[in-house]
Amino acid sequence: ELYDYNTSVTLTASASAGSTFAGWSGACTGTGTCMVTMDAAKLVIATFNLPYTLTVSKTGTGSGNVTSLPVGIDCGTDCSEAYYNNAVITLTAVPDTGSAFAGWSGDCTGTGTCVVTMNAAKSVTATFTLNTYDLTVINTGTGSGAVTSSPAGIICGADCTEPYDYNTVVTLSAAPDTGSTFEGWSGDCNGTGTCVVTMNAAKSVTAKFTLNTYD
């Protein structure tokens, strides 16, 4: 448009539905209204961007949280966010206690931070696995017997070590063979009743059986 010398012209940018106004360049800068004084020919560029959606999914036996920089995603609760065209987003995965971060899939790979450039809609999956810990039972003493577990896994005798998921509560029961007596637990249990252990770390329990003696 032609304007008379020294006319003050105000330009206003309005994005259409589904787009965002990214700002002015040329004779104006910023994202507010553009005011130019027509003391010469002027050129103003208005940039409109189509935002793209970044979606984060979580999978696996474990749990954790994924956050973004710039802020927006906190997954957790907010697992999808729209970003400007060509925005560079860094995603960080933090496993919960008892879980491990196994890696990214989709538009990221590896186990470090995930960096995506939003030149299209992107989808990233974070896999968390639940930690497992070994529970080991040792039979000792002059006698003999069997130790079994609930949940199933240990039958010691034959199978004396078993992995369990983080925070699994395992109950061990000792049954002496004929002619033997169960004397009690040591290690991560004590007493002579059932042994209850919570698998938040590797655990070791010793069951002592003694051979009965008779006059």
N, C-alpha and C. Protein backbone atom coordinates (compact mmCIF):
# COMPACT_ATOMS: atom_id res chain seq x y z
N GLU A 1 0.85 -1.20 0.00
CA GLU A 1 0.00 0.00 0.00
C GLU A 1 0.88 1.25 0.00
N LEU A 2 0.42 2.28 -0.68
CA LEU A 2 1.11 3.56 -0.68
C LEU A 2 0.58 4.43 0.44
N TYR A 3 1.51 5.09 1.18
CA TYR A 3 1.12 6.01 2.25
C TYR A 3 1.89 7.32 2.07
N ASP A 4 1.26 8.41 2.49
CA ASP A 4 1.93 9.71 2.43
C ASP A 4 3.11 9.76 3.38
N TYR A 5 4.04 10.66 3.05
CA TYR A 5 5.23 10.90 3.88
C TYR A 5 4.82 11.15 5.33
N ASN A 6 5.53 10.49 6.25
CA ASN A 6 5.39 10.62 7.70
C ASN A 6 4.07 10.08 8.26
N THR A 7 3.30 9.37 7.42
CA THR A 7 2.11 8.70 7.96
C THR A 7 2.56 7.59 8.92
N SER A 8 1.89 7.51 10.10
CA SER A 8 2.17 6.45 11.07
C SER A 8 1.19 5.30 10.80
N VAL A 9 1.72 4.13 10.51
CA VAL A 9 0.91 2.97 10.16
C VAL A 9 1.09 1.90 11.23
N THR A 10 -0.01 1.39 11.74
CA THR A 10 0.01 0.31 12.75
C THR A 10 -0.47 -0.98 12.11
N LEU A 11 0.35 -2.01 12.19
CA LEU A 11 0.00 -3.33 11.66
C LEU A 11 -0.31 -4.28 12.81
N THR A 12 -1.36 -5.05 12.65
CA THR A 12 -1.76 -6.03 13.66
C THR A 12 -1.83 -7.40 13.00
N ALA A 13 -1.19 -8.38 13.62
CA ALA A 13 -1.17 -9.75 13.08
C ALA A 13 -2.18 -10.61 13.84
N SER A 14 -2.97 -11.37 13.12
CA SER A 14 -3.96 -12.25 13.72
C SER A 14 -3.85 -13.62 13.07
N ALA A 15 -3.46 -14.60 13.86
CA ALA A 15 -3.26 -15.95 13.33
C ALA A 15 -4.60 -16.64 13.09
N SER A 16 -4.66 -17.42 12.04
CA SER A 16 -5.85 -18.22 11.78
C SER A 16 -5.90 -19.40 12.75
N ALA A 17 -7.05 -20.05 12.83
CA ALA A 17 -7.20 -21.20 13.73
C ALA A 17 -6.18 -22.27 13.37
N GLY A 18 -5.50 -22.79 14.36
CA GLY A 18 -4.50 -23.83 14.15
C GLY A 18 -3.10 -23.32 13.90
N SER A 19 -2.95 -21.96 13.78
CA SER A 19 -1.63 -21.37 13.58
C SER A 19 -1.31 -20.42 14.72
N THR A 20 -0.04 -20.03 14.81
CA THR A 20 0.40 -19.06 15.82
C THR A 20 1.23 -17.99 15.14
N PHE A 21 1.14 -16.78 15.67
CA PHE A 21 1.96 -15.69 15.16
C PHE A 21 3.30 -15.72 15.87
N ALA A 22 4.40 -15.88 15.10
CA ALA A 22 5.73 -16.04 15.68
C ALA A 22 6.47 -14.71 15.82
N GLY A 23 6.04 -13.65 15.11
CA GLY A 23 6.70 -12.36 15.28
C GLY A 23 6.99 -11.66 13.98
N TRP A 24 7.47 -10.39 14.11
CA TRP A 24 7.79 -9.53 12.98
C TRP A 24 9.29 -9.57 12.70
N SER A 25 9.62 -9.28 11.44
CA SER A 25 11.01 -9.00 11.07
C SER A 25 10.98 -7.91 10.00
N GLY A 26 12.16 -7.44 9.63
CA GLY A 26 12.23 -6.31 8.70
C GLY A 26 12.19 -5.00 9.46
N ALA A 27 11.22 -4.15 9.15
CA ALA A 27 11.12 -2.83 9.79
C ALA A 27 10.48 -2.89 11.17
N CYS A 28 10.03 -4.07 11.61
CA CYS A 28 9.47 -4.26 12.96
C CYS A 28 10.03 -5.54 13.55
N THR A 29 10.04 -5.59 14.89
CA THR A 29 10.44 -6.79 15.60
C THR A 29 9.43 -7.04 16.72
N GLY A 30 9.55 -8.18 17.37
CA GLY A 30 8.68 -8.50 18.49
C GLY A 30 7.40 -9.16 18.02
N THR A 31 6.45 -9.30 18.97
CA THR A 31 5.20 -10.00 18.67
C THR A 31 3.97 -9.12 18.92
N GLY A 32 4.16 -7.88 19.32
CA GLY A 32 3.03 -6.98 19.52
C GLY A 32 2.61 -6.35 18.21
N THR A 33 1.89 -5.23 18.30
CA THR A 33 1.57 -4.50 17.07
C THR A 33 2.83 -3.88 16.49
N CYS A 34 2.83 -3.70 15.18
CA CYS A 34 3.98 -3.14 14.46
C CYS A 34 3.62 -1.71 14.03
N MET A 35 4.44 -0.73 14.45
CA MET A 35 4.20 0.67 14.09
C MET A 35 5.36 1.18 13.25
N VAL A 36 5.04 1.65 12.04
CA VAL A 36 6.07 2.19 11.15
C VAL A 36 5.70 3.60 10.73
N THR A 37 6.69 4.47 10.63
CA THR A 37 6.50 5.84 10.13
C THR A 37 7.01 5.86 8.69
N MET A 38 6.16 6.29 7.77
CA MET A 38 6.45 6.18 6.34
C MET A 38 7.28 7.36 5.83
N ASP A 39 8.55 7.38 6.28
CA ASP A 39 9.49 8.38 5.78
C ASP A 39 10.37 7.80 4.67
N ALA A 40 10.07 6.53 4.31
CA ALA A 40 10.75 5.84 3.21
C ALA A 40 9.94 4.59 2.90
N ALA A 41 10.30 3.89 1.85
CA ALA A 41 9.65 2.61 1.58
C ALA A 41 10.03 1.63 2.69
N LYS A 42 9.08 0.86 3.17
CA LYS A 42 9.32 -0.06 4.29
C LYS A 42 8.87 -1.47 3.91
N LEU A 43 9.58 -2.46 4.51
CA LEU A 43 9.22 -3.87 4.33
C LEU A 43 9.08 -4.52 5.71
N VAL A 44 7.94 -5.13 5.92
CA VAL A 44 7.68 -5.83 7.18
C VAL A 44 7.28 -7.27 6.86
N ILE A 45 7.87 -8.23 7.58
CA ILE A 45 7.54 -9.65 7.39
C ILE A 45 6.85 -10.16 8.66
N ALA A 46 5.68 -10.75 8.49
CA ALA A 46 4.95 -11.40 9.59
C ALA A 46 5.10 -12.91 9.42
N THR A 47 5.62 -13.58 10.46
CA THR A 47 5.82 -15.03 10.39
C THR A 47 4.74 -15.75 11.20
N PHE A 48 4.05 -16.66 10.53
CA PHE A 48 3.05 -17.50 11.18
C PHE A 48 3.51 -18.94 11.14
N ASN A 49 3.40 -19.62 12.27
CA ASN A 49 3.84 -21.01 12.36
C ASN A 49 2.66 -21.92 12.63
N LEU A 50 2.74 -23.08 12.04
CA LEU A 50 1.79 -24.14 12.38
C LEU A 50 2.41 -24.95 13.51
N PRO A 51 1.77 -24.99 14.70
CA PRO A 51 2.37 -25.74 15.80
C PRO A 51 2.24 -27.24 15.57
N TYR A 52 3.22 -27.97 16.08
CA TYR A 52 3.21 -29.43 15.98
C TYR A 52 3.13 -30.02 17.38
N THR A 53 2.47 -31.17 17.47
CA THR A 53 2.25 -31.81 18.77
C THR A 53 3.33 -32.86 19.04
N LEU A 54 3.92 -32.77 20.24
CA LEU A 54 4.86 -33.78 20.72
C LEU A 54 4.12 -34.63 21.75
N THR A 55 4.07 -35.93 21.50
CA THR A 55 3.35 -36.85 22.39
C THR A 55 4.33 -37.83 23.01
N VAL A 56 4.26 -37.97 24.33
CA VAL A 56 5.10 -38.91 25.07
C VAL A 56 4.23 -40.04 25.61
N SER A 57 4.66 -41.27 25.40
CA SER A 57 4.00 -42.44 25.97
C SER A 57 4.98 -43.16 26.89
N LYS A 58 4.44 -43.82 27.88
CA LYS A 58 5.28 -44.60 28.80
C LYS A 58 4.84 -46.06 28.74
N THR A 59 5.82 -46.96 28.79
CA THR A 59 5.53 -48.38 28.75
C THR A 59 6.51 -49.13 29.63
N GLY A 60 6.28 -50.43 29.81
CA GLY A 60 7.19 -51.27 30.58
C GLY A 60 6.61 -51.66 31.92
N THR A 61 7.33 -52.50 32.63
CA THR A 61 6.87 -53.01 33.93
C THR A 61 7.11 -52.01 35.05
N GLY A 62 7.98 -51.03 34.82
CA GLY A 62 8.31 -50.04 35.86
C GLY A 62 7.54 -48.75 35.69
N SER A 63 7.99 -47.72 36.38
CA SER A 63 7.31 -46.42 36.33
C SER A 63 8.35 -45.30 36.42
N GLY A 64 7.93 -44.11 36.02
CA GLY A 64 8.82 -42.95 36.05
C GLY A 64 8.13 -41.74 35.47
N ASN A 65 8.90 -40.66 35.30
CA ASN A 65 8.35 -39.39 34.84
C ASN A 65 9.21 -38.86 33.69
N VAL A 66 8.55 -38.17 32.74
CA VAL A 66 9.25 -37.54 31.62
C VAL A 66 8.90 -36.05 31.62
N THR A 67 9.93 -35.20 31.61
CA THR A 67 9.71 -33.76 31.57
C THR A 67 10.43 -33.17 30.36
N SER A 68 9.99 -31.96 29.98
CA SER A 68 10.55 -31.31 28.79
C SER A 68 11.18 -29.98 29.14
N LEU A 69 12.12 -29.59 28.28
CA LEU A 69 12.72 -28.27 28.32
C LEU A 69 12.78 -27.77 26.88
N PRO A 70 12.09 -26.66 26.53
CA PRO A 70 11.26 -25.79 27.37
C PRO A 70 10.11 -26.57 28.02
N VAL A 71 9.60 -26.00 29.13
CA VAL A 71 8.57 -26.68 29.90
C VAL A 71 7.32 -26.87 29.05
N GLY A 72 6.52 -27.83 29.45
CA GLY A 72 5.27 -28.13 28.75
C GLY A 72 4.83 -29.54 29.05
N ILE A 73 5.75 -30.49 28.87
CA ILE A 73 5.43 -31.90 29.14
C ILE A 73 5.90 -32.26 30.54
N ASP A 74 4.99 -32.87 31.29
CA ASP A 74 5.30 -33.42 32.61
C ASP A 74 4.48 -34.70 32.74
N CYS A 75 5.07 -35.78 32.24
CA CYS A 75 4.35 -37.04 32.02
C CYS A 75 4.87 -38.12 32.95
N GLY A 76 4.21 -38.44 34.02
CA GLY A 76 3.11 -37.88 34.78
C GLY A 76 1.78 -37.61 34.10
N THR A 77 1.36 -36.40 34.28
CA THR A 77 -0.01 -35.99 34.01
C THR A 77 -0.19 -35.38 32.62
N ASP A 78 0.78 -34.61 32.14
CA ASP A 78 0.67 -33.91 30.87
C ASP A 78 1.65 -34.53 29.88
N CYS A 79 1.14 -35.39 29.00
CA CYS A 79 2.01 -36.17 28.11
C CYS A 79 1.96 -35.70 26.66
N SER A 80 1.30 -34.57 26.38
CA SER A 80 1.20 -34.07 25.01
C SER A 80 1.22 -32.56 25.04
N GLU A 81 1.99 -31.96 24.12
CA GLU A 81 2.12 -30.50 24.11
C GLU A 81 2.39 -30.03 22.67
N ALA A 82 1.82 -28.86 22.32
CA ALA A 82 2.06 -28.26 21.01
C ALA A 82 3.23 -27.30 21.10
N TYR A 83 4.14 -27.37 20.09
CA TYR A 83 5.31 -26.50 20.05
C TYR A 83 5.42 -25.84 18.69
N TYR A 84 6.09 -24.67 18.66
CA TYR A 84 6.31 -23.95 17.41
C TYR A 84 7.12 -24.80 16.43
N ASN A 85 6.91 -24.50 15.15
CA ASN A 85 7.71 -25.10 14.10
C ASN A 85 9.20 -24.88 14.38
N ASN A 86 9.96 -25.97 14.27
CA ASN A 86 11.42 -25.99 14.45
C ASN A 86 11.88 -25.76 15.89
N ALA A 87 10.96 -25.75 16.87
CA ALA A 87 11.37 -25.68 18.27
C ALA A 87 12.18 -26.94 18.62
N VAL A 88 13.25 -26.78 19.38
CA VAL A 88 14.09 -27.91 19.81
C VAL A 88 13.71 -28.25 21.25
N ILE A 89 13.21 -29.45 21.45
CA ILE A 89 12.69 -29.89 22.75
C ILE A 89 13.59 -30.99 23.29
N THR A 90 13.98 -30.85 24.55
CA THR A 90 14.77 -31.87 25.24
C THR A 90 13.91 -32.56 26.28
N LEU A 91 13.81 -33.87 26.16
CA LEU A 91 13.04 -34.69 27.11
C LEU A 91 13.99 -35.44 28.04
N THR A 92 13.64 -35.47 29.32
CA THR A 92 14.44 -36.16 30.32
C THR A 92 13.56 -37.17 31.05
N ALA A 93 14.04 -38.40 31.16
CA ALA A 93 13.30 -39.47 31.85
C ALA A 93 13.93 -39.74 33.20
N VAL A 94 13.10 -39.76 34.24
CA VAL A 94 13.55 -40.04 35.61
C VAL A 94 12.75 -41.21 36.16
N PRO A 95 13.39 -42.36 36.40
CA PRO A 95 12.64 -43.51 36.92
C PRO A 95 12.27 -43.32 38.38
N ASP A 96 11.13 -43.91 38.77
CA ASP A 96 10.75 -43.94 40.18
C ASP A 96 11.66 -44.91 40.94
N THR A 97 11.64 -44.79 42.26
CA THR A 97 12.41 -45.72 43.09
C THR A 97 11.99 -47.15 42.79
N GLY A 98 12.97 -48.01 42.57
CA GLY A 98 12.68 -49.40 42.27
C GLY A 98 12.53 -49.69 40.79
N SER A 99 12.61 -48.65 39.96
CA SER A 99 12.52 -48.83 38.51
C SER A 99 13.79 -48.31 37.84
N ALA A 100 13.97 -48.70 36.59
CA ALA A 100 15.10 -48.23 35.79
C ALA A 100 14.57 -47.76 34.44
N PHE A 101 15.23 -46.72 33.89
CA PHE A 101 14.86 -46.25 32.56
C PHE A 101 15.59 -47.10 31.53
N ALA A 102 14.82 -47.79 30.67
CA ALA A 102 15.41 -48.73 29.71
C ALA A 102 15.71 -48.09 28.36
N GLY A 103 15.11 -46.92 28.07
CA GLY A 103 15.44 -46.26 26.81
C GLY A 103 14.23 -45.71 26.08
N TRP A 104 14.53 -44.96 24.99
CA TRP A 104 13.52 -44.31 24.15
C TRP A 104 13.25 -45.14 22.90
N SER A 105 12.05 -44.97 22.38
CA SER A 105 11.73 -45.48 21.04
C SER A 105 10.82 -44.46 20.36
N GLY A 106 10.56 -44.68 19.08
CA GLY A 106 9.80 -43.71 18.32
C GLY A 106 10.75 -42.70 17.69
N ASP A 107 10.54 -41.41 17.96
CA ASP A 107 11.38 -40.36 17.37
C ASP A 107 12.65 -40.09 18.16
N CYS A 108 12.95 -40.94 19.16
CA CYS A 108 14.23 -40.90 19.87
C CYS A 108 14.70 -42.32 20.13
N THR A 109 16.00 -42.48 20.30
CA THR A 109 16.57 -43.77 20.69
C THR A 109 17.62 -43.52 21.77
N GLY A 110 18.09 -44.61 22.38
CA GLY A 110 19.14 -44.50 23.39
C GLY A 110 18.56 -44.32 24.77
N THR A 111 19.46 -44.04 25.72
CA THR A 111 19.07 -43.91 27.13
C THR A 111 19.41 -42.55 27.72
N GLY A 112 20.00 -41.66 26.93
CA GLY A 112 20.29 -40.31 27.42
C GLY A 112 19.08 -39.41 27.29
N THR A 113 19.32 -38.10 27.29
CA THR A 113 18.21 -37.19 27.03
C THR A 113 17.77 -37.34 25.57
N CYS A 114 16.51 -37.04 25.32
CA CYS A 114 15.92 -37.13 23.99
C CYS A 114 15.74 -35.72 23.44
N VAL A 115 16.36 -35.42 22.30
CA VAL A 115 16.26 -34.10 21.68
C VAL A 115 15.51 -34.23 20.36
N VAL A 116 14.38 -33.53 20.23
CA VAL A 116 13.58 -33.59 19.00
C VAL A 116 13.39 -32.18 18.46
N THR A 117 13.44 -32.06 17.16
CA THR A 117 13.17 -30.79 16.47
C THR A 117 11.77 -30.86 15.90
N MET A 118 10.93 -29.91 16.27
CA MET A 118 9.51 -29.99 15.95
C MET A 118 9.22 -29.42 14.56
N ASN A 119 9.69 -30.13 13.53
CA ASN A 119 9.37 -29.78 12.16
C ASN A 119 8.24 -30.64 11.61
N ALA A 120 7.63 -31.42 12.52
CA ALA A 120 6.46 -32.26 12.22
C ALA A 120 5.95 -32.76 13.56
N ALA A 121 4.78 -33.37 13.57
CA ALA A 121 4.29 -34.01 14.79
C ALA A 121 5.24 -35.14 15.16
N LYS A 122 5.57 -35.25 16.43
CA LYS A 122 6.53 -36.26 16.89
C LYS A 122 5.92 -37.09 18.02
N SER A 123 6.36 -38.34 18.10
CA SER A 123 5.90 -39.25 19.15
C SER A 123 7.09 -40.00 19.72
N VAL A 124 7.19 -40.01 21.03
CA VAL A 124 8.32 -40.64 21.73
C VAL A 124 7.77 -41.56 22.82
N THR A 125 8.35 -42.74 22.95
CA THR A 125 7.96 -43.68 24.00
C THR A 125 9.14 -43.90 24.94
N ALA A 126 8.87 -43.77 26.25
CA ALA A 126 9.87 -44.02 27.29
C ALA A 126 9.53 -45.35 27.97
N THR A 127 10.51 -46.25 28.01
CA THR A 127 10.29 -47.56 28.63
C THR A 127 10.98 -47.61 30.00
N PHE A 128 10.18 -47.93 31.01
CA PHE A 128 10.69 -48.11 32.38
C PHE A 128 10.50 -49.57 32.78
N THR A 129 11.53 -50.16 33.36
CA THR A 129 11.43 -51.54 33.82
C THR A 129 11.55 -51.59 35.35
N LEU A 130 10.83 -52.52 35.92
CA LEU A 130 10.89 -52.70 37.37
C LEU A 130 12.15 -53.47 37.73
N ASN A 131 12.90 -52.98 38.72
CA ASN A 131 14.10 -53.68 39.17
C ASN A 131 13.74 -55.03 39.77
N THR A 132 14.61 -55.99 39.57
CA THR A 132 14.45 -57.30 40.22
C THR A 132 15.66 -57.57 41.09
N TYR A 133 15.41 -58.26 42.19
CA TYR A 133 16.47 -58.57 43.15
C TYR A 133 16.41 -60.05 43.51
N ASP A 134 17.59 -60.64 43.74
CA ASP A 134 17.66 -62.07 44.09
C ASP A 134 17.40 -62.28 45.58
N LEU A 135 16.56 -63.25 45.86
CA LEU A 135 16.39 -63.75 47.22
C LEU A 135 17.07 -65.11 47.28
N THR A 136 18.05 -65.24 48.17
CA THR A 136 18.82 -66.48 48.30
C THR A 136 18.56 -67.11 49.66
N VAL A 137 18.27 -68.40 49.63
CA VAL A 137 18.07 -69.17 50.86
C VAL A 137 19.21 -70.17 51.01
N ILE A 138 19.75 -70.25 52.22
CA ILE A 138 20.84 -71.19 52.54
C ILE A 138 20.34 -72.12 53.64
N ASN A 139 20.41 -73.41 53.38
CA ASN A 139 20.09 -74.40 54.41
C ASN A 139 21.38 -74.81 55.12
N THR A 140 21.33 -74.79 56.44
CA THR A 140 22.52 -75.14 57.20
C THR A 140 22.12 -75.97 58.42
N GLY A 141 23.12 -76.49 59.14
CA GLY A 141 22.89 -77.26 60.35
C GLY A 141 23.10 -78.73 60.14
N THR A 142 22.97 -79.49 61.21
CA THR A 142 23.20 -80.95 61.15
C THR A 142 22.01 -81.70 60.60
N GLY A 143 20.83 -81.03 60.58
CA GLY A 143 19.62 -81.67 60.08
C GLY A 143 19.33 -81.30 58.65
N SER A 144 18.08 -81.56 58.23
CA SER A 144 17.69 -81.27 56.85
C SER A 144 16.23 -80.82 56.83
N GLY A 145 15.86 -80.20 55.73
CA GLY A 145 14.50 -79.74 55.57
C GLY A 145 14.37 -78.95 54.28
N ALA A 146 13.18 -78.43 54.04
CA ALA A 146 12.90 -77.68 52.81
C ALA A 146 12.36 -76.31 53.16
N VAL A 147 12.71 -75.34 52.31
CA VAL A 147 12.17 -73.98 52.44
C VAL A 147 11.44 -73.66 51.14
N THR A 148 10.20 -73.22 51.27
CA THR A 148 9.40 -72.85 50.10
C THR A 148 8.94 -71.40 50.25
N SER A 149 8.59 -70.81 49.10
CA SER A 149 8.21 -69.39 49.10
C SER A 149 6.80 -69.19 48.57
N SER A 150 6.23 -68.07 49.00
CA SER A 150 4.99 -67.55 48.43
C SER A 150 5.17 -66.06 48.22
N PRO A 151 5.11 -65.53 46.97
CA PRO A 151 4.82 -66.22 45.71
C PRO A 151 5.83 -67.34 45.42
N ALA A 152 5.40 -68.28 44.59
CA ALA A 152 6.21 -69.45 44.29
C ALA A 152 7.52 -69.05 43.62
N GLY A 153 8.49 -69.92 43.73
CA GLY A 153 9.79 -69.68 43.12
C GLY A 153 10.88 -70.46 43.80
N ILE A 154 10.92 -70.35 45.13
CA ILE A 154 11.96 -71.04 45.89
C ILE A 154 11.42 -72.36 46.43
N ILE A 155 12.16 -73.44 46.13
CA ILE A 155 11.94 -74.75 46.75
C ILE A 155 13.33 -75.26 47.09
N CYS A 156 13.77 -74.97 48.29
CA CYS A 156 15.16 -75.19 48.69
C CYS A 156 15.22 -76.24 49.78
N GLY A 157 15.79 -77.37 49.52
CA GLY A 157 16.27 -78.12 48.44
C GLY A 157 16.83 -77.65 47.12
N ALA A 158 16.03 -77.79 46.05
CA ALA A 158 16.55 -77.75 44.69
C ALA A 158 16.79 -76.34 44.18
N ASP A 159 15.86 -75.45 44.38
CA ASP A 159 15.95 -74.08 43.85
C ASP A 159 16.03 -73.10 45.02
N CYS A 160 17.24 -72.61 45.30
CA CYS A 160 17.45 -71.80 46.49
C CYS A 160 17.65 -70.32 46.21
N THR A 161 17.63 -69.91 44.94
CA THR A 161 17.76 -68.50 44.59
C THR A 161 16.72 -68.16 43.54
N GLU A 162 16.02 -67.03 43.74
CA GLU A 162 14.98 -66.63 42.81
C GLU A 162 14.92 -65.11 42.72
N PRO A 163 14.78 -64.55 41.50
CA PRO A 163 14.60 -63.09 41.38
C PRO A 163 13.15 -62.71 41.60
N TYR A 164 12.95 -61.57 42.29
CA TYR A 164 11.61 -61.02 42.51
C TYR A 164 11.60 -59.53 42.16
N ASP A 165 10.46 -59.06 41.70
CA ASP A 165 10.31 -57.65 41.37
C ASP A 165 10.43 -56.79 42.63
N TYR A 166 10.85 -55.55 42.42
CA TYR A 166 10.98 -54.56 43.50
C TYR A 166 9.69 -54.50 44.32
N ASN A 167 9.88 -54.51 45.63
CA ASN A 167 8.81 -54.38 46.63
C ASN A 167 7.88 -55.59 46.73
N THR A 168 8.21 -56.68 46.04
CA THR A 168 7.44 -57.90 46.24
C THR A 168 7.64 -58.40 47.66
N VAL A 169 6.55 -58.76 48.32
CA VAL A 169 6.63 -59.32 49.67
C VAL A 169 6.64 -60.84 49.55
N VAL A 170 7.72 -61.45 50.00
CA VAL A 170 7.92 -62.90 49.88
C VAL A 170 7.86 -63.53 51.27
N THR A 171 7.06 -64.57 51.39
CA THR A 171 6.96 -65.32 52.65
C THR A 171 7.63 -66.68 52.49
N LEU A 172 8.61 -66.95 53.34
CA LEU A 172 9.31 -68.22 53.34
C LEU A 172 8.82 -69.10 54.48
N SER A 173 8.62 -70.37 54.17
CA SER A 173 8.20 -71.34 55.19
C SER A 173 9.21 -72.48 55.24
N ALA A 174 9.59 -72.87 56.44
CA ALA A 174 10.57 -73.95 56.63
C ALA A 174 9.87 -75.20 57.15
N ALA A 175 10.14 -76.34 56.50
CA ALA A 175 9.55 -77.62 56.91
C ALA A 175 10.67 -78.63 57.12
N PRO A 176 10.95 -79.00 58.41
CA PRO A 176 12.04 -79.96 58.66
C PRO A 176 11.66 -81.36 58.18
N ASP A 177 12.67 -82.10 57.74
CA ASP A 177 12.44 -83.50 57.41
C ASP A 177 12.23 -84.30 58.70
N THR A 178 11.71 -85.49 58.51
CA THR A 178 11.52 -86.38 59.66
C THR A 178 12.87 -86.61 60.35
N GLY A 179 12.88 -86.46 61.65
CA GLY A 179 14.11 -86.64 62.41
C GLY A 179 14.90 -85.36 62.59
N SER A 180 14.41 -84.24 62.01
CA SER A 180 15.10 -82.95 62.15
C SER A 180 14.16 -81.93 62.76
N THR A 181 14.72 -80.86 63.26
CA THR A 181 13.97 -79.74 63.85
C THR A 181 14.44 -78.44 63.20
N PHE A 182 13.47 -77.57 62.91
CA PHE A 182 13.84 -76.25 62.39
C PHE A 182 14.19 -75.36 63.57
N GLU A 183 15.44 -74.87 63.60
CA GLU A 183 15.94 -74.08 64.72
C GLU A 183 15.68 -72.58 64.55
N GLY A 184 15.52 -72.12 63.29
CA GLY A 184 15.25 -70.70 63.10
C GLY A 184 15.99 -70.09 61.92
N TRP A 185 15.66 -68.81 61.69
CA TRP A 185 16.23 -68.06 60.57
C TRP A 185 17.36 -67.16 61.05
N SER A 186 18.25 -66.84 60.12
CA SER A 186 19.24 -65.78 60.34
C SER A 186 19.44 -65.06 59.01
N GLY A 187 20.22 -63.98 59.05
CA GLY A 187 20.36 -63.15 57.86
C GLY A 187 19.29 -62.09 57.84
N ASP A 188 18.49 -62.04 56.78
CA ASP A 188 17.44 -61.03 56.65
C ASP A 188 16.14 -61.43 57.32
N CYS A 189 16.14 -62.51 58.07
CA CYS A 189 15.01 -62.90 58.92
C CYS A 189 15.55 -63.47 60.21
N ASN A 190 14.69 -63.48 61.23
CA ASN A 190 15.04 -64.18 62.46
C ASN A 190 13.78 -64.78 63.06
N GLY A 191 13.95 -65.56 64.12
CA GLY A 191 12.82 -66.25 64.73
C GLY A 191 12.61 -67.61 64.13
N THR A 192 11.49 -68.24 64.51
CA THR A 192 11.19 -69.60 64.06
C THR A 192 9.87 -69.69 63.30
N GLY A 193 9.18 -68.58 63.14
CA GLY A 193 7.94 -68.60 62.36
C GLY A 193 8.22 -68.47 60.88
N THR A 194 7.21 -68.06 60.13
CA THR A 194 7.46 -67.78 58.71
C THR A 194 8.36 -66.55 58.60
N CYS A 195 9.11 -66.49 57.51
CA CYS A 195 10.03 -65.38 57.25
C CYS A 195 9.42 -64.51 56.16
N VAL A 196 9.20 -63.23 56.46
CA VAL A 196 8.61 -62.31 55.48
C VAL A 196 9.65 -61.26 55.11
N VAL A 197 9.99 -61.18 53.82
CA VAL A 197 10.97 -60.21 53.35
C VAL A 197 10.36 -59.37 52.23
N THR A 198 10.68 -58.09 52.23
CA THR A 198 10.26 -57.19 51.16
C THR A 198 11.45 -56.96 50.25
N MET A 199 11.27 -57.22 48.96
CA MET A 199 12.40 -57.26 48.03
C MET A 199 12.71 -55.87 47.47
N ASN A 200 13.24 -55.01 48.33
CA ASN A 200 13.72 -53.69 47.91
C ASN A 200 15.23 -53.67 47.72
N ALA A 201 15.84 -54.84 47.82
CA ALA A 201 17.28 -55.04 47.60
C ALA A 201 17.50 -56.55 47.55
N ALA A 202 18.71 -56.98 47.18
CA ALA A 202 19.03 -58.40 47.25
C ALA A 202 19.00 -58.85 48.71
N LYS A 203 18.40 -60.01 48.96
CA LYS A 203 18.25 -60.50 50.33
C LYS A 203 18.79 -61.92 50.43
N SER A 204 19.31 -62.25 51.62
CA SER A 204 19.81 -63.59 51.89
C SER A 204 19.30 -64.06 53.25
N VAL A 205 18.76 -65.26 53.27
CA VAL A 205 18.18 -65.83 54.49
C VAL A 205 18.77 -67.23 54.70
N THR A 206 19.15 -67.52 55.93
CA THR A 206 19.67 -68.85 56.27
C THR A 206 18.68 -69.57 57.18
N ALA A 207 18.35 -70.80 56.78
CA ALA A 207 17.47 -71.66 57.59
C ALA A 207 18.32 -72.76 58.22
N LYS A 208 18.23 -72.86 59.56
CA LYS A 208 19.04 -73.85 60.27
C LYS A 208 18.16 -75.01 60.72
N PHE A 209 18.59 -76.22 60.29
CA PHE A 209 17.90 -77.44 60.71
C PHE A 209 18.89 -78.28 61.53
N THR A 210 18.44 -78.81 62.65
CA THR A 210 19.32 -79.67 63.45
C THR A 210 18.73 -81.07 63.51
N LEU A 211 19.63 -82.05 63.55
CA LEU A 211 19.23 -83.45 63.63
C LEU A 211 18.81 -83.77 65.07
N ASN A 212 17.63 -84.33 65.17
CA ASN A 212 17.16 -84.70 66.50
C ASN A 212 18.08 -85.78 67.11
N THR A 213 18.25 -85.70 68.40
CA THR A 213 19.00 -86.73 69.12
C THR A 213 18.09 -87.34 70.18
N TYR A 214 18.28 -88.61 70.43
CA TYR A 214 17.41 -89.32 71.38
C TYR A 214 18.29 -90.11 72.35
N ASP A 215 17.88 -90.14 73.62
CA ASP A 215 18.59 -90.94 74.62
C ASP A 215 18.29 -92.41 74.42
